[in-house]
Amino acid sequence: MSVSTIDIAVKKTTESRIAQMDPANIQFGKVYSDHMLVAYYEDGEWKQPEIVPFANLSLSPATTFIHYGQAIFEGIKAYKDANGNPLVFRPRDNWKRMNRSAERMALPAVPEELFVEGIRKLVDIDRAWVPTSEDTSLYIRPFLFAIDEFIGVRPAEKFMFMIITSPAGPYYSKPVSIYVQDEYVRAFPGGIGFTKAAGNYGMSMYPTMKIKEMGYDQILWTDGFEHKYVQEIGTMNVFFVLGDKVVTPDLKEGTILAGVTRDSVITLLREKGTTVEERPIAIDELAEAYRNGQLKEAFGTGTAASIAPIRALTYHEETMELPAMETWDVANWLKKELADIRYGRKADTHGWVLHV
């Protein structure tokens, strides 16, 4: 397969469901666009991909991924510029990360042309589903899973790659309240914390449910050995502004997802001349910085949330209340800078944007 020669068969819907989308009230993950991409891997090779009307799947109860969790996914967004043209943000970086996940989960690599050209063609066909108002986008969900009809425990041999899309509004409508988790563990070195595997999110559901019952929005995970060093927030990477520098956990142990938005944030801040440190960050360091008035800002980053401000961190009996977001310099600048690039209001000097 190559981008110029890949053959994607297209069967368009006879009746669009776009009336289901209310542009004034777009909620994340509630409504799905008219079409989806489907491709099968069998006998050691990828078969011809198709774009077909969005529909339910028919699968055997013995399908492998249901029992053993051989499933991974990605999250990407498309935006519309002032001329109504869709722009997809950094899809090739998501393709690279999907294949890192695939290798760790014994899944086949997805060819770049299938991933990128599949997204481009799908977004082009459903371009009317890309909303135009600020803070809205078309969320793109590529995913890959094992479909052997076999319940023996072994790596699968048949796989299915799909892409679906959904118009999306803001993931968080307000700054979030975070509970620092030191009972449950998200990932250990040597595990799958660096992947975007379905199981990473499944294991987080119970702890997240418990902290929401306590009145918090999300979890800040800590390391599995000492519960001393911060890792990720829910579905996001995390950044802290300590004095005049920005710090974020490093990726060396393989327990943290290498976020595309995380990389974008680090790149933009360093180009601006801001000191960014990627290193272990102890929760005690954050608490001390808070008491000394040096914890200025804290925010999560991710495709779904973009820049998610944190209003408070609770660790044991101490709640660290952050200053009003209106006073923040770093997160507010980043949010605007990223939005200007994504919506085509500012020149893309990094080659991040795929024009559809």
Protein backbone atom coordinates (compact mmCIF):
# COMPACT_ATOMS: atom_id res chain seq x y z
CA MET A 1 0.00 0.00 0.00
CA SER A 2 1.09 3.60 -0.62
CA VAL A 3 -0.70 6.90 -0.09
CA SER A 4 -0.94 7.45 -3.83
CA THR A 5 -2.06 3.93 -4.71
CA ILE A 6 -4.12 2.73 -1.74
CA ASP A 7 -7.54 1.61 -2.89
CA ILE A 8 -10.28 2.42 -0.40
CA ALA A 9 -13.67 1.23 -1.58
CA VAL A 10 -16.51 3.60 -0.69
CA LYS A 11 -20.17 2.83 -0.11
CA LYS A 12 -22.01 5.98 0.91
CA THR A 13 -25.10 6.09 3.05
CA THR A 14 -28.41 6.73 1.30
CA GLU A 15 -29.70 8.82 4.19
CA SER A 16 -27.53 11.10 6.31
CA ARG A 17 -28.12 11.33 10.06
CA ILE A 18 -26.55 14.77 10.35
CA ALA A 19 -29.82 16.20 11.67
CA GLN A 20 -28.96 14.40 14.92
CA MET A 21 -26.14 16.89 15.47
CA ASP A 22 -27.20 20.03 17.31
CA PRO A 23 -24.46 22.61 16.61
CA ALA A 24 -25.51 24.58 19.69
CA ASN A 25 -25.19 21.58 22.01
CA ILE A 26 -22.40 19.24 20.91
CA GLN A 27 -21.54 16.71 23.59
CA PHE A 28 -18.46 14.51 23.51
CA GLY A 29 -19.02 10.98 22.23
CA LYS A 30 -22.81 11.08 21.96
CA VAL A 31 -23.46 11.18 18.18
CA TYR A 32 -21.50 9.46 15.40
CA SER A 33 -20.96 10.52 11.81
CA ASP A 34 -22.45 8.83 8.76
CA HIS A 35 -19.53 6.62 7.75
CA MET A 36 -16.75 4.44 9.15
CA LEU A 37 -13.62 2.79 7.77
CA VAL A 38 -13.15 -0.97 8.09
CA ALA A 39 -10.10 -3.07 7.18
CA TYR A 40 -9.31 -6.73 7.92
CA TYR A 41 -5.96 -8.41 8.52
CA GLU A 42 -5.84 -12.11 7.69
CA ASP A 43 -3.26 -14.62 6.44
CA GLY A 44 -0.48 -12.19 7.28
CA GLU A 45 -1.70 -9.26 5.19
CA TRP A 46 -4.11 -6.35 5.13
CA LYS A 47 -7.14 -6.70 2.88
CA GLN A 48 -8.76 -3.86 0.93
CA PRO A 49 -10.17 -1.23 3.29
CA GLU A 50 -13.70 0.06 2.88
CA ILE A 51 -15.60 3.15 3.95
CA VAL A 52 -19.18 2.13 4.64
CA PRO A 53 -22.24 3.56 6.41
CA PHE A 54 -21.90 3.63 10.20
CA ALA A 55 -23.49 0.46 11.59
CA ASN A 56 -23.33 -2.08 14.38
CA LEU A 57 -20.92 -5.03 14.17
CA SER A 58 -21.79 -8.72 14.13
CA LEU A 59 -19.23 -10.76 16.07
CA SER A 60 -18.95 -14.24 17.54
CA PRO A 61 -19.25 -14.51 21.34
CA ALA A 62 -15.84 -16.22 21.15
CA THR A 63 -14.14 -13.19 19.56
CA THR A 64 -10.65 -12.91 21.06
CA PHE A 65 -10.55 -9.27 22.17
CA ILE A 66 -13.70 -9.68 24.26
CA HIS A 67 -11.98 -12.31 26.40
CA TYR A 68 -8.33 -11.29 26.42
CA GLY A 69 -8.27 -7.57 25.76
CA GLN A 70 -6.17 -7.48 22.58
CA ALA A 71 -7.46 -4.03 21.65
CA ILE A 72 -5.87 -0.61 21.18
CA PHE A 73 -7.09 2.78 20.00
CA GLU A 74 -6.08 6.35 19.20
CA GLY A 75 -7.71 9.77 19.47
CA ILE A 76 -7.31 12.53 16.88
CA LYS A 77 -9.26 15.68 16.04
CA ALA A 78 -10.22 17.54 12.87
CA TYR A 79 -11.08 21.25 12.91
CA LYS A 80 -12.46 23.64 10.32
CA ASP A 81 -10.60 26.72 9.18
CA ALA A 82 -12.22 30.04 8.29
CA ASN A 83 -12.90 28.79 4.75
CA GLY A 84 -14.70 25.67 5.95
CA ASN A 85 -11.86 23.27 5.13
CA PRO A 86 -11.12 20.43 7.59
CA LEU A 87 -7.68 20.29 9.22
CA VAL A 88 -6.52 17.14 11.04
CA PHE A 89 -4.00 17.68 13.85
CA ARG A 90 -0.86 15.49 13.86
CA PRO A 91 -2.35 12.20 12.55
CA ARG A 92 1.06 10.73 11.66
CA ASP A 93 2.17 11.01 15.28
CA ASN A 94 -0.90 9.06 16.34
CA TRP A 95 -0.11 6.45 13.68
CA LYS A 96 3.40 6.01 15.10
CA ARG A 97 2.03 5.67 18.63
CA MET A 98 -0.64 3.18 17.53
CA ASN A 99 2.04 0.93 16.11
CA ARG A 100 4.06 1.13 19.34
CA SER A 101 0.92 -0.03 21.14
CA ALA A 102 0.31 -2.70 18.49
CA GLU A 103 3.78 -4.19 18.92
CA ARG A 104 3.40 -4.47 22.70
CA MET A 105 -0.07 -6.05 22.37
CA ALA A 106 0.94 -8.56 19.64
CA LEU A 107 -1.18 -6.82 17.00
CA PRO A 108 -0.09 -6.17 13.39
CA ALA A 109 1.34 -2.79 12.45
CA VAL A 110 -1.10 -0.55 10.58
CA PRO A 111 0.42 0.84 7.36
CA GLU A 112 0.84 4.62 7.37
CA GLU A 113 -1.13 4.99 4.14
CA LEU A 114 -4.08 3.01 5.56
CA PHE A 115 -4.11 5.10 8.74
CA VAL A 116 -3.47 8.58 7.33
CA GLU A 117 -5.20 8.29 3.97
CA GLY A 118 -8.07 6.46 5.65
CA ILE A 119 -8.55 9.40 8.01
CA ARG A 120 -8.25 11.94 5.21
CA LYS A 121 -10.80 10.22 3.00
CA LEU A 122 -13.24 9.53 5.85
CA VAL A 123 -13.10 13.15 7.07
CA ASP A 124 -13.52 14.37 3.50
CA ILE A 125 -16.65 12.28 2.99
CA ASP A 126 -18.12 13.40 6.33
CA ARG A 127 -16.79 16.98 6.23
CA ALA A 128 -20.28 18.33 6.95
CA TRP A 129 -19.97 16.71 10.39
CA VAL A 130 -16.95 18.84 11.34
CA PRO A 131 -18.45 21.61 13.51
CA THR A 132 -17.35 25.22 13.06
CA SER A 133 -17.77 26.95 16.43
CA GLU A 134 -14.88 27.57 18.83
CA ASP A 135 -13.89 24.66 21.11
CA THR A 136 -15.61 22.13 18.81
CA SER A 137 -14.07 19.54 16.51
CA LEU A 138 -14.61 16.19 14.87
CA TYR A 139 -13.17 13.52 17.15
CA ILE A 140 -11.53 10.68 15.18
CA ARG A 141 -11.23 7.26 16.81
CA PRO A 142 -9.03 4.67 15.03
CA PHE A 143 -8.97 1.29 16.79
CA LEU A 144 -7.54 -2.18 16.22
CA PHE A 145 -8.63 -5.43 17.83
CA ALA A 146 -8.26 -9.22 17.55
CA ILE A 147 -11.17 -11.10 15.98
CA ASP A 148 -10.20 -14.79 16.06
CA GLU A 149 -13.19 -16.93 16.98
CA PHE A 150 -11.16 -18.86 19.54
CA ILE A 151 -11.11 -18.80 23.35
CA GLY A 152 -7.72 -20.44 23.81
CA VAL A 153 -5.08 -18.15 25.25
CA ARG A 154 -2.67 -17.29 22.45
CA PRO A 155 -1.89 -14.26 20.26
CA ALA A 156 -4.58 -13.85 17.64
CA GLU A 157 -4.14 -14.20 13.88
CA LYS A 158 -7.08 -12.19 12.54
CA PHE A 159 -7.66 -8.52 13.22
CA MET A 160 -9.97 -5.65 12.42
CA PHE A 161 -8.97 -1.99 12.06
CA MET A 162 -11.69 0.65 12.13
CA ILE A 163 -12.06 4.42 12.21
CA ILE A 164 -15.21 6.14 13.44
CA THR A 165 -15.78 9.86 13.97
CA SER A 166 -17.95 11.95 16.23
CA PRO A 167 -18.58 15.71 16.50
CA ALA A 168 -17.21 16.89 19.84
CA GLY A 169 -17.59 19.81 22.19
CA PRO A 170 -15.34 20.55 25.19
CA TYR A 171 -14.43 17.42 27.19
CA TYR A 172 -14.35 19.40 30.43
CA SER A 173 -16.61 22.44 30.68
CA LYS A 174 -14.83 23.87 33.74
CA PRO A 175 -11.55 23.56 35.66
CA VAL A 176 -11.29 20.14 37.29
CA SER A 177 -10.84 18.96 40.86
CA ILE A 178 -8.23 16.21 41.23
CA TYR A 179 -7.73 13.52 43.86
CA VAL A 180 -4.18 12.19 44.26
CA GLN A 181 -4.46 8.38 44.23
CA ASP A 182 -2.08 6.41 46.43
CA GLU A 183 -4.03 3.17 46.82
CA TYR A 184 -4.66 1.88 43.30
CA VAL A 185 -1.97 1.67 40.60
CA ARG A 186 -2.28 2.51 36.91
CA ALA A 187 0.99 1.07 35.55
CA PHE A 188 4.33 -0.53 36.44
CA PRO A 189 7.62 -0.52 34.48
CA GLY A 190 7.57 -3.33 31.96
CA GLY A 191 3.80 -3.17 31.67
CA ILE A 192 1.54 -1.46 29.12
CA GLY A 193 1.27 2.02 30.64
CA PHE A 194 2.92 3.58 27.57
CA THR A 195 0.33 2.04 25.23
CA LYS A 196 -3.17 3.18 24.41
CA ALA A 197 -4.58 -0.25 25.20
CA ALA A 198 -8.20 -0.70 26.18
CA GLY A 199 -7.20 -2.41 29.44
CA ASN A 200 -5.40 0.69 30.71
CA TYR A 201 -8.74 2.49 30.75
CA GLY A 202 -10.82 -0.44 31.95
CA MET A 203 -8.74 -0.80 35.12
CA SER A 204 -9.24 2.88 35.94
CA MET A 205 -13.04 2.76 36.01
CA TYR A 206 -13.52 1.56 39.59
CA PRO A 207 -11.03 3.97 41.24
CA THR A 208 -12.46 6.83 39.15
CA MET A 209 -16.01 5.92 40.16
CA LYS A 210 -14.98 5.97 43.81
CA ILE A 211 -13.35 9.40 43.70
CA LYS A 212 -16.31 10.85 41.80
CA GLU A 213 -18.52 9.65 44.65
CA MET A 214 -16.21 11.71 46.88
CA GLY A 215 -16.85 14.81 44.76
CA TYR A 216 -13.72 14.90 42.57
CA ASP A 217 -13.51 14.95 38.77
CA GLN A 218 -10.41 12.85 38.10
CA ILE A 219 -7.46 10.94 39.54
CA LEU A 220 -3.81 11.91 39.60
CA TRP A 221 -2.08 8.53 39.58
CA THR A 222 1.17 7.96 41.47
CA ASP A 223 3.91 5.38 40.89
CA GLY A 224 3.31 1.78 41.89
CA PHE A 225 6.33 1.28 44.14
CA GLU A 226 6.28 4.20 46.57
CA HIS A 227 3.10 6.13 45.64
CA LYS A 228 5.45 9.09 45.75
CA TYR A 229 5.83 10.33 42.17
CA VAL A 230 2.97 11.66 40.05
CA GLN A 231 2.20 10.01 36.72
CA GLU A 232 -0.94 10.86 34.69
CA ILE A 233 -4.33 12.43 35.33
CA GLY A 234 -7.14 10.15 34.22
CA THR A 235 -6.89 10.21 30.43
CA MET A 236 -4.35 13.06 30.33
CA ASN A 237 -0.71 13.94 30.78
CA VAL A 238 -0.09 16.54 33.47
CA PHE A 239 1.94 19.77 33.75
CA PHE A 240 2.74 22.03 36.71
CA VAL A 241 3.99 25.60 36.69
CA LEU A 242 6.48 25.91 39.56
CA GLY A 243 7.73 29.48 39.80
CA ASP A 244 9.06 30.42 36.36
CA LYS A 245 9.45 26.86 35.03
CA VAL A 246 7.08 24.15 33.77
CA VAL A 247 7.55 20.55 34.90
CA THR A 248 5.98 17.31 33.68
CA PRO A 249 6.70 13.63 34.46
CA ASP A 250 9.23 12.04 32.12
CA LEU A 251 8.53 8.96 30.00
CA LYS A 252 11.63 6.92 30.84
CA GLU A 253 9.98 4.12 32.84
CA GLY A 254 7.36 3.36 30.18
CA THR A 255 4.44 3.90 32.56
CA ILE A 256 3.12 7.10 30.96
CA LEU A 257 1.52 7.62 27.55
CA ALA A 258 3.59 9.77 25.19
CA GLY A 259 0.80 12.25 24.47
CA VAL A 260 0.72 14.07 21.14
CA THR A 261 -0.70 17.15 22.87
CA ARG A 262 1.99 16.75 25.55
CA ASP A 263 4.69 16.88 22.87
CA SER A 264 3.01 19.87 21.22
CA VAL A 265 2.92 21.74 24.54
CA ILE A 266 6.59 21.05 25.29
CA THR A 267 7.61 22.12 21.78
CA LEU A 268 5.64 25.38 21.89
CA LEU A 269 6.82 26.32 25.39
CA ARG A 270 10.49 25.71 24.60
CA GLU A 271 10.24 27.72 21.38
CA LYS A 272 8.79 30.54 23.48
CA GLY A 273 11.82 30.40 25.78
CA THR A 274 10.07 28.78 28.74
CA THR A 275 12.08 26.27 30.79
CA VAL A 276 10.41 22.86 30.62
CA GLU A 277 11.69 20.01 32.79
CA GLU A 278 10.76 16.39 32.07
CA ARG A 279 11.61 14.54 35.26
CA PRO A 280 10.21 12.63 38.25
CA ILE A 281 7.93 14.89 40.31
CA ALA A 282 7.16 13.91 43.90
CA ILE A 283 3.78 14.83 45.31
CA ASP A 284 5.63 16.18 48.35
CA GLU A 285 7.49 18.60 46.07
CA LEU A 286 4.19 19.90 44.75
CA ALA A 287 2.78 20.28 48.25
CA GLU A 288 5.87 22.20 49.37
CA ALA A 289 5.71 24.44 46.29
CA TYR A 290 2.04 25.12 47.04
CA ARG A 291 2.80 26.13 50.64
CA ASN A 292 5.59 28.42 49.39
CA GLY A 293 3.34 30.07 46.81
CA GLN A 294 5.31 28.60 43.90
CA LEU A 295 2.63 26.27 42.48
CA LYS A 296 1.16 28.74 40.00
CA GLU A 297 -0.76 26.51 37.58
CA ALA A 298 -1.59 22.86 36.95
CA PHE A 299 -3.25 21.44 33.86
CA GLY A 300 -3.86 18.23 31.98
CA THR A 301 -3.22 17.77 28.26
CA GLY A 302 -4.75 15.35 25.79
CA THR A 303 -6.52 15.11 22.45
CA ALA A 304 -9.99 14.97 24.01
CA ALA A 305 -9.41 17.62 26.66
CA SER A 306 -6.74 19.73 24.90
CA ILE A 307 -5.71 21.95 27.85
CA ALA A 308 -7.68 21.10 31.00
CA PRO A 309 -7.06 23.50 33.90
CA ILE A 310 -6.91 22.03 37.41
CA ARG A 311 -8.56 24.11 40.12
CA ALA A 312 -7.52 21.95 43.07
CA LEU A 313 -5.40 18.94 44.04
CA THR A 314 -6.33 16.91 47.13
CA TYR A 315 -3.68 14.70 48.74
CA HIS A 316 -4.68 12.98 51.97
CA GLU A 317 -6.11 15.77 54.12
CA GLU A 318 -4.57 18.67 52.23
CA THR A 319 -6.33 20.46 49.36
CA MET A 320 -4.15 22.65 47.16
CA GLU A 321 -6.36 25.35 45.67
CA LEU A 322 -4.88 26.92 42.55
CA PRO A 323 -5.24 30.63 41.69
CA ALA A 324 -8.14 31.69 39.48
CA MET A 325 -7.55 30.51 35.92
CA GLU A 326 -8.04 34.05 34.59
CA THR A 327 -4.69 34.96 36.16
CA TRP A 328 -2.76 32.12 34.53
CA ASP A 329 -0.13 32.89 31.90
CA VAL A 330 1.05 29.49 30.65
CA ALA A 331 -2.12 27.40 30.21
CA ASN A 332 -4.12 30.28 28.73
CA TRP A 333 -1.36 31.06 26.23
CA LEU A 334 -1.06 27.39 25.26
CA LYS A 335 -4.79 26.97 24.77
CA LYS A 336 -4.91 29.94 22.39
CA GLU A 337 -1.71 28.98 20.56
CA LEU A 338 -2.86 25.41 19.95
CA ALA A 339 -6.33 26.54 18.89
CA ASP A 340 -4.88 29.04 16.40
CA ILE A 341 -2.77 26.31 14.78
CA ARG A 342 -5.57 23.72 14.78
CA TYR A 343 -8.16 26.09 13.27
CA GLY A 344 -5.70 27.40 10.69
CA ARG A 345 -5.55 30.92 12.13
CA LYS A 346 -1.78 30.73 12.51
CA ALA A 347 0.89 29.32 10.20
CA ASP A 348 1.73 25.67 10.85
CA THR A 349 5.52 25.87 11.07
CA HIS A 350 5.90 22.30 12.38
CA GLY A 351 4.07 20.33 9.67
CA TRP A 352 1.48 19.24 12.23
CA VAL A 353 -1.69 19.84 10.21
CA LEU A 354 -3.09 17.55 7.52
CA HIS A 355 -5.25 19.53 5.09
CA VAL A 356 -8.30 17.64 3.83
